[in-house]
Amino acid sequence: ALDQSIDIANQLFKNSRADYLEVLLNQ
């Protein structure tokens, strides 16, 4: 589940729809 959430968070971060904290926490 977390592997899938990483891909989603990275995609959202690239599109500026998620901030860096969400990406860091997921990773």
PDB file of all heavy atoms in Angstrom:
ATOM      1  N   ALA A   1       0.837  -1.215   0.000  1.00  0.00           N
ATOM      2  CA  ALA A   1       0.000   0.000   0.000  1.00  0.00           C
ATOM      3  C   ALA A   1       0.866   1.257   0.000  1.00  0.00           C
ATOM      4  O   ALA A   1       0.578   2.234  -0.720  1.00  0.00           O
ATOM      5  CB  ALA A   1      -0.927  -0.012   1.210  1.00  0.00           C
ATOM      6  N   LEU A   2       1.938   1.259   0.773  1.00  0.00           N
ATOM      7  CA  LEU A   2       2.799   2.443   0.857  1.00  0.00           C
ATOM      8  C   LEU A   2       3.587   2.643  -0.431  1.00  0.00           C
ATOM      9  O   LEU A   2       3.869   3.792  -0.816  1.00  0.00           O
ATOM     10  CB  LEU A   2       3.741   2.323   2.058  1.00  0.00           C
ATOM     11  CG  LEU A   2       3.065   2.524   3.422  1.00  0.00           C
ATOM     12  CD1 LEU A   2       4.019   2.175   4.552  1.00  0.00           C
ATOM     13  CD2 LEU A   2       2.582   3.968   3.574  1.00  0.00           C
ATOM     14  N   ASP A   3       3.972   1.553  -1.089  1.00  0.00           N
ATOM     15  CA  ASP A   3       4.655   1.686  -2.383  1.00  0.00           C
ATOM     16  C   ASP A   3       3.739   2.396  -3.391  1.00  0.00           C
ATOM     17  O   ASP A   3       4.191   3.261  -4.166  1.00  0.00           O
ATOM     18  CB  ASP A   3       5.052   0.308  -2.927  1.00  0.00           C
ATOM     19  CG  ASP A   3       6.353  -0.198  -2.312  1.00  0.00           C
ATOM     20  OD1 ASP A   3       7.106   0.624  -1.753  1.00  0.00           O
ATOM     21  OD2 ASP A   3       6.606  -1.419  -2.375  1.00  0.00           O
ATOM     22  N   GLN A   4       2.487   2.044  -3.376  1.00  0.00           N
ATOM     23  CA  GLN A   4       1.528   2.692  -4.271  1.00  0.00           C
ATOM     24  C   GLN A   4       1.329   4.162  -3.888  1.00  0.00           C
ATOM     25  O   GLN A   4       1.224   5.042  -4.751  1.00  0.00           O
ATOM     26  CB  GLN A   4       0.189   1.953  -4.230  1.00  0.00           C
ATOM     27  CG  GLN A   4       0.249   0.543  -4.803  1.00  0.00           C
ATOM     28  CD  GLN A   4      -1.026  -0.249  -4.554  1.00  0.00           C
ATOM     29  OE1 GLN A   4      -1.982   0.267  -3.980  1.00  0.00           O
ATOM     30  NE2 GLN A   4      -1.045  -1.506  -5.012  1.00  0.00           N
ATOM     31  N   SER A   5       1.324   4.432  -2.576  1.00  0.00           N
ATOM     32  CA  SER A   5       1.130   5.816  -2.131  1.00  0.00           C
ATOM     33  C   SER A   5       2.314   6.694  -2.496  1.00  0.00           C
ATOM     34  O   SER A   5       2.153   7.898  -2.750  1.00  0.00           O
ATOM     35  CB  SER A   5       0.876   5.864  -0.628  1.00  0.00           C
ATOM     36  OG  SER A   5       2.056   5.535   0.087  1.00  0.00           O
ATOM     37  N   ILE A   6       3.517   6.119  -2.562  1.00  0.00           N
ATOM     38  CA  ILE A   6       4.696   6.896  -2.969  1.00  0.00           C
ATOM     39  C   ILE A   6       4.549   7.376  -4.402  1.00  0.00           C
ATOM     40  O   ILE A   6       4.813   8.545  -4.729  1.00  0.00           O
ATOM     41  CB  ILE A   6       5.978   6.058  -2.806  1.00  0.00           C
ATOM     42  CG1 ILE A   6       6.348   5.914  -1.322  1.00  0.00           C
ATOM     43  CG2 ILE A   6       7.158   6.702  -3.546  1.00  0.00           C
ATOM     44  CD1 ILE A   6       7.570   5.072  -1.078  1.00  0.00           C
ATOM     45  N   ASP A   7       4.160   6.475  -5.283  1.00  0.00           N
ATOM     46  CA  ASP A   7       3.979   6.857  -6.679  1.00  0.00           C
ATOM     47  C   ASP A   7       2.914   7.948  -6.816  1.00  0.00           C
ATOM     48  O   ASP A   7       3.085   8.920  -7.580  1.00  0.00           O
ATOM     49  CB  ASP A   7       3.565   5.627  -7.507  1.00  0.00           C
ATOM     50  CG  ASP A   7       4.670   4.586  -7.569  1.00  0.00           C
ATOM     51  OD1 ASP A   7       5.849   4.978  -7.415  1.00  0.00           O
ATOM     52  OD2 ASP A   7       4.358   3.391  -7.753  1.00  0.00           O
ATOM     53  N   ILE A   8       1.831   7.810  -6.065  1.00  0.00           N
ATOM     54  CA  ILE A   8       0.761   8.821  -6.121  1.00  0.00           C
ATOM     55  C   ILE A   8       1.257  10.163  -5.598  1.00  0.00           C
ATOM     56  O   ILE A   8       1.025  11.224  -6.218  1.00  0.00           O
ATOM     57  CB  ILE A   8      -0.458   8.342  -5.306  1.00  0.00           C
ATOM     58  CG1 ILE A   8      -1.069   7.079  -5.947  1.00  0.00           C
ATOM     59  CG2 ILE A   8      -1.517   9.438  -5.210  1.00  0.00           C
ATOM     60  CD1 ILE A   8      -2.123   6.411  -5.091  1.00  0.00           C
ATOM     61  N   ALA A   9       1.969  10.148  -4.459  1.00  0.00           N
ATOM     62  CA  ALA A   9       2.468  11.394  -3.858  1.00  0.00           C
ATOM     63  C   ALA A   9       3.464  12.090  -4.774  1.00  0.00           C
ATOM     64  O   ALA A   9       3.436  13.327  -4.914  1.00  0.00           O
ATOM     65  CB  ALA A   9       3.115  11.086  -2.498  1.00  0.00           C
ATOM     66  N   ASN A  10       4.347  11.304  -5.408  1.00  0.00           N
ATOM     67  CA  ASN A  10       5.333  11.907  -6.316  1.00  0.00           C
ATOM     68  C   ASN A  10       4.645  12.552  -7.516  1.00  0.00           C
ATOM     69  O   ASN A  10       5.045  13.645  -7.966  1.00  0.00           O
ATOM     70  CB  ASN A  10       6.332  10.844  -6.790  1.00  0.00           C
ATOM     71  CG  ASN A  10       7.305  10.444  -5.704  1.00  0.00           C
ATOM     72  OD1 ASN A  10       7.513  11.193  -4.745  1.00  0.00           O
ATOM     73  ND2 ASN A  10       7.912   9.264  -5.831  1.00  0.00           N
ATOM     74  N   GLN A  11       3.637  11.902  -8.033  1.00  0.00           N
ATOM     75  CA  GLN A  11       2.916  12.453  -9.184  1.00  0.00           C
ATOM     76  C   GLN A  11       2.194  13.743  -8.808  1.00  0.00           C
ATOM     77  O   GLN A  11       2.225  14.733  -9.552  1.00  0.00           O
ATOM     78  CB  GLN A  11       1.914  11.405  -9.703  1.00  0.00           C
ATOM     79  CG  GLN A  11       1.317  11.755 -11.059  1.00  0.00           C
ATOM     80  CD  GLN A  11       2.365  11.791 -12.171  1.00  0.00           C
ATOM     81  OE1 GLN A  11       3.295  10.988 -12.176  1.00  0.00           O
ATOM     82  NE2 GLN A  11       2.245  12.733 -13.082  1.00  0.00           N
ATOM     83  N   LEU A  12       1.578  13.729  -7.617  1.00  0.00           N
ATOM     84  CA  LEU A  12       0.885  14.935  -7.149  1.00  0.00           C
ATOM     85  C   LEU A  12       1.882  16.072  -6.894  1.00  0.00           C
ATOM     86  O   LEU A  12       1.584  17.239  -7.160  1.00  0.00           O
ATOM     87  CB  LEU A  12       0.099  14.622  -5.871  1.00  0.00           C
ATOM     88  CG  LEU A  12      -1.125  13.700  -6.032  1.00  0.00           C
ATOM     89  CD1 LEU A  12      -1.708  13.343  -4.668  1.00  0.00           C
ATOM     90  CD2 LEU A  12      -2.194  14.364  -6.909  1.00  0.00           C
ATOM     91  N   PHE A  13       3.072  15.704  -6.357  1.00  0.00           N
ATOM     92  CA  PHE A  13       4.076  16.734  -6.083  1.00  0.00           C
ATOM     93  C   PHE A  13       4.578  17.375  -7.373  1.00  0.00           C
ATOM     94  O   PHE A  13       4.796  18.595  -7.441  1.00  0.00           O
ATOM     95  CB  PHE A  13       5.232  16.107  -5.294  1.00  0.00           C
ATOM     96  CG  PHE A  13       6.295  17.103  -4.896  1.00  0.00           C
ATOM     97  CD1 PHE A  13       6.009  18.157  -4.024  1.00  0.00           C
ATOM     98  CD2 PHE A  13       7.593  16.999  -5.394  1.00  0.00           C
ATOM     99  CE1 PHE A  13       6.998  19.064  -3.645  1.00  0.00           C
ATOM    100  CE2 PHE A  13       8.577  17.910  -5.027  1.00  0.00           C
ATOM    101  CZ  PHE A  13       8.275  18.948  -4.141  1.00  0.00           C
ATOM    102  N   LYS A  14       4.755  16.558  -8.411  1.00  0.00           N
ATOM    103  CA  LYS A  14       5.198  17.099  -9.700  1.00  0.00           C
ATOM    104  C   LYS A  14       4.180  18.077 -10.260  1.00  0.00           C
ATOM    105  O   LYS A  14       4.538  19.059 -10.912  1.00  0.00           O
ATOM    106  CB  LYS A  14       5.421  15.951 -10.702  1.00  0.00           C
ATOM    107  CG  LYS A  14       6.649  15.108 -10.441  1.00  0.00           C
ATOM    108  CD  LYS A  14       6.765  14.006 -11.481  1.00  0.00           C
ATOM    109  CE  LYS A  14       7.955  13.106 -11.211  1.00  0.00           C
ATOM    110  NZ  LYS A  14       8.064  12.012 -12.192  1.00  0.00           N
ATOM    111  N   ASN A  15       2.912  17.780 -10.001  1.00  0.00           N
ATOM    112  CA  ASN A  15       1.846  18.636 -10.533  1.00  0.00           C
ATOM    113  C   ASN A  15       1.424  19.720  -9.539  1.00  0.00           C
ATOM    114  O   ASN A  15       0.372  20.355  -9.739  1.00  0.00           O
ATOM    115  CB  ASN A  15       0.627  17.785 -10.903  1.00  0.00           C
ATOM    116  CG  ASN A  15       0.940  16.783 -12.001  1.00  0.00           C
ATOM    117  OD1 ASN A  15       1.724  17.073 -12.898  1.00  0.00           O
ATOM    118  ND2 ASN A  15       0.345  15.606 -11.928  1.00  0.00           N
ATOM    119  N   SER A  16       2.248  19.885  -8.480  1.00  0.00           N
ATOM    120  CA  SER A  16       1.997  20.915  -7.458  1.00  0.00           C
ATOM    121  C   SER A  16       0.642  20.739  -6.765  1.00  0.00           C
ATOM    122  O   SER A  16       0.024  21.697  -6.323  1.00  0.00           O
ATOM    123  CB  SER A  16       2.073  22.321  -8.090  1.00  0.00           C
ATOM    124  OG  SER A  16       3.337  22.535  -8.652  1.00  0.00           O
ATOM    125  N   ARG A  17       0.197  19.503  -6.659  1.00  0.00           N
ATOM    126  CA  ARG A  17      -1.067  19.249  -5.976  1.00  0.00           C
ATOM    127  C   ARG A  17      -0.855  18.642  -4.586  1.00  0.00           C
ATOM    128  O   ARG A  17      -1.811  18.332  -3.879  1.00  0.00           O
ATOM    129  CB  ARG A  17      -1.923  18.305  -6.831  1.00  0.00           C
ATOM    130  CG  ARG A  17      -2.350  18.944  -8.166  1.00  0.00           C
ATOM    131  CD  ARG A  17      -3.147  17.965  -8.995  1.00  0.00           C
ATOM    132  NE  ARG A  17      -4.373  17.564  -8.323  1.00  0.00           N
ATOM    133  CZ  ARG A  17      -5.190  16.609  -8.775  1.00  0.00           C
ATOM    134  NH1 ARG A  17      -4.876  15.958  -9.903  1.00  0.00           N
ATOM    135  NH2 ARG A  17      -6.293  16.305  -8.114  1.00  0.00           N
ATOM    136  N   ALA A  18       0.413  18.416  -4.224  1.00  0.00           N
ATOM    137  CA  ALA A  18       0.777  17.944  -2.885  1.00  0.00           C
ATOM    138  C   ALA A  18       2.066  18.629  -2.475  1.00  0.00           C
ATOM    139  O   ALA A  18       2.932  18.911  -3.322  1.00  0.00           O
ATOM    140  CB  ALA A  18       0.958  16.426  -2.873  1.00  0.00           C
ATOM    141  N   ASP A  19       2.211  18.922  -1.180  1.00  0.00           N
ATOM    142  CA  ASP A  19       3.442  19.594  -0.746  1.00  0.00           C
ATOM    143  C   ASP A  19       4.520  18.556  -0.406  1.00  0.00           C
ATOM    144  O   ASP A  19       4.284  17.354  -0.368  1.00  0.00           O
ATOM    145  CB  ASP A  19       3.167  20.516   0.448  1.00  0.00           C
ATOM    146  CG  ASP A  19       2.634  19.769   1.651  1.00  0.00           C
ATOM    147  OD1 ASP A  19       2.866  18.531   1.731  1.00  0.00           O
ATOM    148  OD2 ASP A  19       2.001  20.396   2.516  1.00  0.00           O
ATOM    149  N   TYR A  20       5.725  19.077  -0.142  1.00  0.00           N
ATOM    150  CA  TYR A  20       6.883  18.203   0.077  1.00  0.00           C
ATOM    151  C   TYR A  20       6.737  17.350   1.344  1.00  0.00           C
ATOM    152  O   TYR A  20       7.273  16.249   1.448  1.00  0.00           O
ATOM    153  CB  TYR A  20       8.166  19.043   0.153  1.00  0.00           C
ATOM    154  CG  TYR A  20       8.200  19.990   1.335  1.00  0.00           C
ATOM    155  CD1 TYR A  20       8.772  19.589   2.533  1.00  0.00           C
ATOM    156  CD2 TYR A  20       7.663  21.272   1.261  1.00  0.00           C
ATOM    157  CE1 TYR A  20       8.810  20.442   3.625  1.00  0.00           C
ATOM    158  CE2 TYR A  20       7.694  22.120   2.336  1.00  0.00           C
ATOM    159  CZ  TYR A  20       8.268  21.712   3.528  1.00  0.00           C
ATOM    160  OH  TYR A  20       8.311  22.545   4.603  1.00  0.00           O
ATOM    161  N   LEU A  21       6.001  17.845   2.366  1.00  0.00           N
ATOM    162  CA  LEU A  21       5.843  17.091   3.603  1.00  0.00           C
ATOM    163  C   LEU A  21       5.095  15.780   3.362  1.00  0.00           C
ATOM    164  O   LEU A  21       5.426  14.746   3.927  1.00  0.00           O
ATOM    165  CB  LEU A  21       5.103  17.931   4.651  1.00  0.00           C
ATOM    166  CG  LEU A  21       5.909  19.080   5.263  1.00  0.00           C
ATOM    167  CD1 LEU A  21       5.044  19.890   6.211  1.00  0.00           C
ATOM    168  CD2 LEU A  21       7.132  18.533   5.991  1.00  0.00           C
ATOM    169  N   GLU A  22       4.106  15.814   2.509  1.00  0.00           N
ATOM    170  CA  GLU A  22       3.353  14.600   2.187  1.00  0.00           C
ATOM    171  C   GLU A  22       4.246  13.573   1.498  1.00  0.00           C
ATOM    172  O   GLU A  22       4.180  12.368   1.775  1.00  0.00           O
ATOM    173  CB  GLU A  22       2.156  14.942   1.295  1.00  0.00           C
ATOM    174  CG  GLU A  22       1.066  15.740   2.014  1.00  0.00           C
ATOM    175  CD  GLU A  22      -0.088  16.108   1.086  1.00  0.00           C
ATOM    176  OE1 GLU A  22       0.169  16.850   0.118  1.00  0.00           O
ATOM    177  OE2 GLU A  22      -1.208  15.633   1.327  1.00  0.00           O
ATOM    178  N   VAL A  23       5.088  14.093   0.599  1.00  0.00           N
ATOM    179  CA  VAL A  23       6.023  13.200  -0.094  1.00  0.00           C
ATOM    180  C   VAL A  23       7.006  12.585   0.886  1.00  0.00           C
ATOM    181  O   VAL A  23       7.256  11.368   0.890  1.00  0.00           O
ATOM    182  CB  VAL A  23       6.769  13.955  -1.206  1.00  0.00           C
ATOM    183  CG1 VAL A  23       7.811  13.041  -1.863  1.00  0.00           C
ATOM    184  CG2 VAL A  23       5.799  14.480  -2.250  1.00  0.00           C
ATOM    185  N   LEU A  24       7.585  13.412   1.771  1.00  0.00           N
ATOM    186  CA  LEU A  24       8.562  12.928   2.754  1.00  0.00           C
ATOM    187  C   LEU A  24       7.949  11.896   3.690  1.00  0.00           C
ATOM    188  O   LEU A  24       8.541  10.852   3.964  1.00  0.00           O
ATOM    189  CB  LEU A  24       9.115  14.102   3.567  1.00  0.00           C
ATOM    190  CG  LEU A  24      10.244  14.913   2.927  1.00  0.00           C
ATOM    191  CD1 LEU A  24      10.610  16.098   3.800  1.00  0.00           C
ATOM    192  CD2 LEU A  24      11.468  14.045   2.697  1.00  0.00           C
ATOM    193  N   LEU A  25       6.788  12.184   4.206  1.00  0.00           N
ATOM    194  CA  LEU A  25       6.143  11.269   5.148  1.00  0.00           C
ATOM    195  C   LEU A  25       5.822   9.932   4.498  1.00  0.00           C
ATOM    196  O   LEU A  25       5.995   8.860   5.102  1.00  0.00           O
ATOM    197  CB  LEU A  25       4.869  11.909   5.700  1.00  0.00           C
ATOM    198  CG  LEU A  25       5.069  13.071   6.682  1.00  0.00           C
ATOM    199  CD1 LEU A  25       3.734  13.714   7.043  1.00  0.00           C
ATOM    200  CD2 LEU A  25       5.789  12.595   7.940  1.00  0.00           C
ATOM    201  N   ASN A  26       5.351   9.978   3.247  1.00  0.00           N
ATOM    202  CA  ASN A  26       5.066   8.737   2.531  1.00  0.00           C
ATOM    203  C   ASN A  26       6.332   7.906   2.312  1.00  0.00           C
ATOM    204  O   ASN A  26       6.328   6.690   2.468  1.00  0.00           O
ATOM    205  CB  ASN A  26       4.412   9.045   1.185  1.00  0.00           C
ATOM    206  CG  ASN A  26       2.894   9.111   1.294  1.00  0.00           C
ATOM    207  OD1 ASN A  26       2.224   8.087   1.364  1.00  0.00           O
ATOM    208  ND2 ASN A  26       2.363  10.316   1.329  1.00  0.00           N
ATOM    209  N   GLN A  27       7.415   8.618   1.940  1.00  0.00           N
ATOM    210  CA  GLN A  27       8.673   7.903   1.686  1.00  0.00           C
ATOM    211  C   GLN A  27       9.230   7.299   2.974  1.00  0.00           C
ATOM    212  O   GLN A  27       9.726   6.171   2.990  1.00  0.00           O
ATOM    213  CB  GLN A  27       9.688   8.862   1.058  1.00  0.00           C
ATOM    214  CG  GLN A  27       9.332   9.254  -0.374  1.00  0.00           C
ATOM    215  CD  GLN A  27      10.294  10.272  -0.951  1.00  0.00           C
ATOM    216  OE1 GLN A  27      11.111  10.857  -0.218  1.00  0.00           O
ATOM    217  NE2 GLN A  27      10.194  10.515  -2.256  1.00  0.00           N
TER     218      GLN A  27
END
